[in-house]
Amino acid sequence: MRDTLLRRRERGLKQLDDWTDPGNREQVVRTLDGLSSRHRMLLVLHYVDGLSVPEIADQLDQSVASLESALARARRAFRTEFARQDHAS
């Protein structure tokens, strides 16, 4: 189980590197524009503004566990949309 979680985390970090690569900036912006406002807000607060999950949870008056789940869904939506746009290009 632990190995599976570590592999998922490594894969997620690799994709995050893809998102933050300056060469992907235009595609990242298009991808963010294609997400729901909630998903976009969570990703921007965490990855662009650099807020921690507890900080975001406090600002949105949510539990940390609830926010972690919402952020995971936002990441999944981003990966799906990013791949779709990459494939369409």
N, C-alpha and C. Protein backbone atom coordinates (compact mmCIF):
# COMPACT_ATOMS: atom_id res chain seq x y z
N MET A 1 0.83 -1.19 0.00
CA MET A 1 0.00 0.00 0.00
C MET A 1 0.88 1.27 0.00
N ARG A 2 1.88 1.27 0.86
CA ARG A 2 2.76 2.43 0.95
C ARG A 2 3.48 2.67 -0.37
N ASP A 3 3.95 1.60 -1.01
CA ASP A 3 4.62 1.73 -2.30
C ASP A 3 3.70 2.34 -3.35
N THR A 4 2.44 1.91 -3.33
CA THR A 4 1.46 2.44 -4.28
C THR A 4 1.27 3.93 -4.06
N LEU A 5 1.15 4.34 -2.80
CA LEU A 5 0.98 5.76 -2.50
C LEU A 5 2.20 6.57 -2.91
N LEU A 6 3.39 6.02 -2.69
CA LEU A 6 4.61 6.72 -3.10
C LEU A 6 4.70 6.87 -4.61
N ARG A 7 4.33 5.80 -5.34
CA ARG A 7 4.34 5.89 -6.81
C ARG A 7 3.35 6.93 -7.30
N ARG A 8 2.16 6.95 -6.69
CA ARG A 8 1.17 7.97 -7.08
C ARG A 8 1.69 9.37 -6.81
N ARG A 9 2.33 9.54 -5.66
CA ARG A 9 2.86 10.85 -5.32
C ARG A 9 3.95 11.27 -6.31
N GLU A 10 4.86 10.34 -6.63
CA GLU A 10 5.92 10.65 -7.60
C GLU A 10 5.33 11.01 -8.95
N ARG A 11 4.32 10.26 -9.39
CA ARG A 11 3.67 10.55 -10.67
C ARG A 11 3.02 11.92 -10.62
N GLY A 12 2.38 12.25 -9.51
CA GLY A 12 1.75 13.55 -9.33
C GLY A 12 2.77 14.67 -9.34
N LEU A 13 3.93 14.45 -8.71
CA LEU A 13 4.97 15.47 -8.71
C LEU A 13 5.53 15.68 -10.10
N LYS A 14 5.68 14.62 -10.87
CA LYS A 14 6.15 14.75 -12.25
C LYS A 14 5.16 15.58 -13.05
N GLN A 15 3.88 15.31 -12.87
CA GLN A 15 2.89 16.09 -13.61
C GLN A 15 2.88 17.54 -13.14
N LEU A 16 3.11 17.77 -11.86
CA LEU A 16 3.19 19.14 -11.37
C LEU A 16 4.35 19.85 -12.03
N ASP A 17 5.48 19.17 -12.21
CA ASP A 17 6.61 19.77 -12.93
C ASP A 17 6.18 20.18 -14.33
N ASP A 18 5.38 19.33 -15.00
CA ASP A 18 4.88 19.66 -16.33
C ASP A 18 4.03 20.93 -16.27
N TRP A 19 3.21 21.06 -15.23
CA TRP A 19 2.32 22.22 -15.11
C TRP A 19 3.12 23.49 -14.92
N THR A 20 4.22 23.42 -14.17
CA THR A 20 4.97 24.62 -13.84
C THR A 20 6.08 24.93 -14.84
N ASP A 21 6.29 24.08 -15.82
CA ASP A 21 7.29 24.31 -16.86
C ASP A 21 6.86 25.53 -17.67
N PRO A 22 7.72 26.56 -17.77
CA PRO A 22 7.35 27.76 -18.52
C PRO A 22 6.91 27.48 -19.95
N GLY A 23 7.41 26.42 -20.55
CA GLY A 23 7.01 26.07 -21.91
C GLY A 23 5.57 25.62 -22.00
N ASN A 24 4.98 25.24 -20.87
CA ASN A 24 3.58 24.78 -20.85
C ASN A 24 2.62 25.86 -20.37
N ARG A 25 3.11 27.08 -20.15
CA ARG A 25 2.28 28.13 -19.54
C ARG A 25 0.95 28.34 -20.28
N GLU A 26 1.01 28.45 -21.59
CA GLU A 26 -0.21 28.70 -22.36
C GLU A 26 -1.21 27.55 -22.19
N GLN A 27 -0.72 26.32 -22.23
CA GLN A 27 -1.60 25.17 -22.07
C GLN A 27 -2.15 25.11 -20.64
N VAL A 28 -1.35 25.47 -19.66
CA VAL A 28 -1.82 25.48 -18.27
C VAL A 28 -2.94 26.49 -18.11
N VAL A 29 -2.77 27.67 -18.67
CA VAL A 29 -3.81 28.70 -18.57
C VAL A 29 -5.09 28.23 -19.25
N ARG A 30 -4.96 27.64 -20.44
CA ARG A 30 -6.15 27.11 -21.14
C ARG A 30 -6.82 26.01 -20.31
N THR A 31 -5.99 25.16 -19.70
CA THR A 31 -6.53 24.07 -18.89
C THR A 31 -7.27 24.63 -17.68
N LEU A 32 -6.66 25.58 -16.99
CA LEU A 32 -7.33 26.18 -15.83
C LEU A 32 -8.65 26.83 -16.24
N ASP A 33 -8.66 27.49 -17.40
CA ASP A 33 -9.89 28.12 -17.89
C ASP A 33 -10.98 27.09 -18.16
N GLY A 34 -10.58 25.85 -18.47
CA GLY A 34 -11.56 24.80 -18.76
C GLY A 34 -12.12 24.11 -17.53
N LEU A 35 -11.59 24.44 -16.36
CA LEU A 35 -12.05 23.80 -15.12
C LEU A 35 -13.19 24.58 -14.50
N SER A 36 -13.87 23.94 -13.57
CA SER A 36 -14.90 24.65 -12.81
C SER A 36 -14.22 25.74 -11.99
N SER A 37 -14.97 26.76 -11.63
CA SER A 37 -14.39 27.86 -10.85
C SER A 37 -13.86 27.37 -9.51
N ARG A 38 -14.52 26.40 -8.92
CA ARG A 38 -14.08 25.84 -7.63
C ARG A 38 -12.72 25.14 -7.78
N HIS A 39 -12.60 24.28 -8.78
CA HIS A 39 -11.33 23.58 -9.00
C HIS A 39 -10.23 24.57 -9.31
N ARG A 40 -10.51 25.53 -10.16
CA ARG A 40 -9.51 26.54 -10.53
C ARG A 40 -9.05 27.31 -9.29
N MET A 41 -10.00 27.72 -8.46
CA MET A 41 -9.68 28.49 -7.25
C MET A 41 -8.76 27.68 -6.33
N LEU A 42 -9.11 26.42 -6.09
CA LEU A 42 -8.30 25.59 -5.19
C LEU A 42 -6.88 25.41 -5.71
N LEU A 43 -6.74 25.13 -7.00
CA LEU A 43 -5.41 24.94 -7.57
C LEU A 43 -4.59 26.22 -7.53
N VAL A 44 -5.21 27.34 -7.82
CA VAL A 44 -4.48 28.62 -7.79
C VAL A 44 -4.07 28.97 -6.37
N LEU A 45 -4.97 28.81 -5.42
CA LEU A 45 -4.63 29.12 -4.02
C LEU A 45 -3.46 28.26 -3.55
N HIS A 46 -3.48 26.99 -3.92
CA HIS A 46 -2.44 26.08 -3.42
C HIS A 46 -1.14 26.19 -4.20
N TYR A 47 -1.19 26.12 -5.53
CA TYR A 47 0.02 26.05 -6.33
C TYR A 47 0.57 27.40 -6.77
N VAL A 48 -0.28 28.37 -6.96
CA VAL A 48 0.19 29.68 -7.41
C VAL A 48 0.44 30.59 -6.21
N ASP A 49 -0.56 30.69 -5.33
CA ASP A 49 -0.42 31.56 -4.16
C ASP A 49 0.41 30.91 -3.05
N GLY A 50 0.59 29.59 -3.14
CA GLY A 50 1.44 28.90 -2.18
C GLY A 50 0.82 28.65 -0.81
N LEU A 51 -0.50 28.72 -0.71
CA LEU A 51 -1.15 28.48 0.57
C LEU A 51 -1.17 26.98 0.89
N SER A 52 -1.02 26.66 2.14
CA SER A 52 -1.08 25.26 2.57
C SER A 52 -2.55 24.82 2.62
N VAL A 53 -2.75 23.52 2.68
CA VAL A 53 -4.11 22.99 2.77
C VAL A 53 -4.81 23.52 4.02
N PRO A 54 -4.17 23.51 5.21
CA PRO A 54 -4.84 24.06 6.39
C PRO A 54 -5.20 25.55 6.24
N GLU A 55 -4.33 26.31 5.58
CA GLU A 55 -4.62 27.74 5.37
C GLU A 55 -5.84 27.92 4.47
N ILE A 56 -5.92 27.15 3.41
CA ILE A 56 -7.06 27.25 2.50
C ILE A 56 -8.33 26.79 3.21
N ALA A 57 -8.23 25.70 3.95
CA ALA A 57 -9.39 25.18 4.68
C ALA A 57 -9.92 26.23 5.65
N ASP A 58 -9.01 26.91 6.32
CA ASP A 58 -9.41 27.96 7.26
C ASP A 58 -10.11 29.11 6.54
N GLN A 59 -9.54 29.53 5.41
CA GLN A 59 -10.14 30.63 4.64
C GLN A 59 -11.53 30.28 4.13
N LEU A 60 -11.72 29.01 3.75
CA LEU A 60 -13.00 28.60 3.17
C LEU A 60 -13.94 27.99 4.20
N ASP A 61 -13.50 28.01 5.47
CA ASP A 61 -14.31 27.47 6.57
C ASP A 61 -14.71 26.02 6.32
N GLN A 62 -13.72 25.21 5.96
CA GLN A 62 -13.91 23.78 5.70
C GLN A 62 -12.92 22.99 6.55
N SER A 63 -13.20 21.72 6.73
CA SER A 63 -12.25 20.87 7.43
C SER A 63 -11.08 20.59 6.50
N VAL A 64 -9.94 20.28 7.08
CA VAL A 64 -8.75 19.96 6.29
C VAL A 64 -9.01 18.72 5.44
N ALA A 65 -9.66 17.71 6.02
CA ALA A 65 -9.95 16.47 5.28
C ALA A 65 -10.83 16.75 4.07
N SER A 66 -11.83 17.58 4.25
CA SER A 66 -12.72 17.94 3.14
C SER A 66 -11.96 18.67 2.05
N LEU A 67 -11.09 19.57 2.46
CA LEU A 67 -10.32 20.33 1.47
C LEU A 67 -9.31 19.45 0.75
N GLU A 68 -8.68 18.51 1.46
CA GLU A 68 -7.76 17.59 0.80
C GLU A 68 -8.47 16.79 -0.28
N SER A 69 -9.69 16.35 0.01
CA SER A 69 -10.47 15.61 -0.99
C SER A 69 -10.81 16.50 -2.18
N ALA A 70 -11.23 17.71 -1.90
CA ALA A 70 -11.59 18.64 -2.98
C ALA A 70 -10.37 18.97 -3.84
N LEU A 71 -9.21 19.14 -3.20
CA LEU A 71 -7.99 19.44 -3.94
C LEU A 71 -7.57 18.24 -4.80
N ALA A 72 -7.76 17.05 -4.28
CA ALA A 72 -7.45 15.85 -5.07
C ALA A 72 -8.35 15.78 -6.30
N ARG A 73 -9.63 16.10 -6.14
CA ARG A 73 -10.55 16.11 -7.29
C ARG A 73 -10.14 17.19 -8.29
N ALA A 74 -9.71 18.34 -7.78
CA ALA A 74 -9.27 19.43 -8.66
C ALA A 74 -8.03 19.02 -9.46
N ARG A 75 -7.09 18.35 -8.79
CA ARG A 75 -5.89 17.87 -9.49
C ARG A 75 -6.25 16.87 -10.57
N ARG A 76 -7.16 15.96 -10.23
CA ARG A 76 -7.59 14.94 -11.20
C ARG A 76 -8.25 15.61 -12.40
N ALA A 77 -9.10 16.58 -12.15
CA ALA A 77 -9.76 17.30 -13.25
C ALA A 77 -8.72 18.02 -14.10
N PHE A 78 -7.72 18.62 -13.45
CA PHE A 78 -6.68 19.32 -14.19
C PHE A 78 -5.90 18.34 -15.07
N ARG A 79 -5.49 17.21 -14.49
CA ARG A 79 -4.72 16.22 -15.27
C ARG A 79 -5.51 15.75 -16.48
N THR A 80 -6.79 15.48 -16.28
CA THR A 80 -7.64 15.01 -17.37
C THR A 80 -7.75 16.06 -18.47
N GLU A 81 -8.01 17.29 -18.07
CA GLU A 81 -8.15 18.37 -19.05
C GLU A 81 -6.82 18.68 -19.73
N PHE A 82 -5.74 18.66 -18.98
CA PHE A 82 -4.40 18.91 -19.53
C PHE A 82 -4.07 17.87 -20.60
N ALA A 83 -4.32 16.61 -20.28
CA ALA A 83 -4.04 15.52 -21.22
C ALA A 83 -4.95 15.63 -22.45
N ARG A 84 -6.21 15.99 -22.23
CA ARG A 84 -7.14 16.13 -23.36
C ARG A 84 -6.66 17.21 -24.31
N GLN A 85 -6.24 18.34 -23.76
CA GLN A 85 -5.77 19.44 -24.61
C GLN A 85 -4.45 19.08 -25.29
N ASP A 86 -3.59 18.37 -24.57
CA ASP A 86 -2.32 17.94 -25.13
C ASP A 86 -2.55 16.99 -26.30
N HIS A 87 -3.53 16.11 -26.15
CA HIS A 87 -3.85 15.14 -27.20
C HIS A 87 -4.50 15.84 -28.39
N ALA A 88 -5.29 16.88 -28.12
CA ALA A 88 -6.00 17.60 -29.19
C ALA A 88 -5.04 18.49 -29.99
N SER A 89 -3.91 18.84 -29.40
CA SER A 89 -2.96 19.74 -30.10
C SER A 89 -2.28 19.09 -31.25
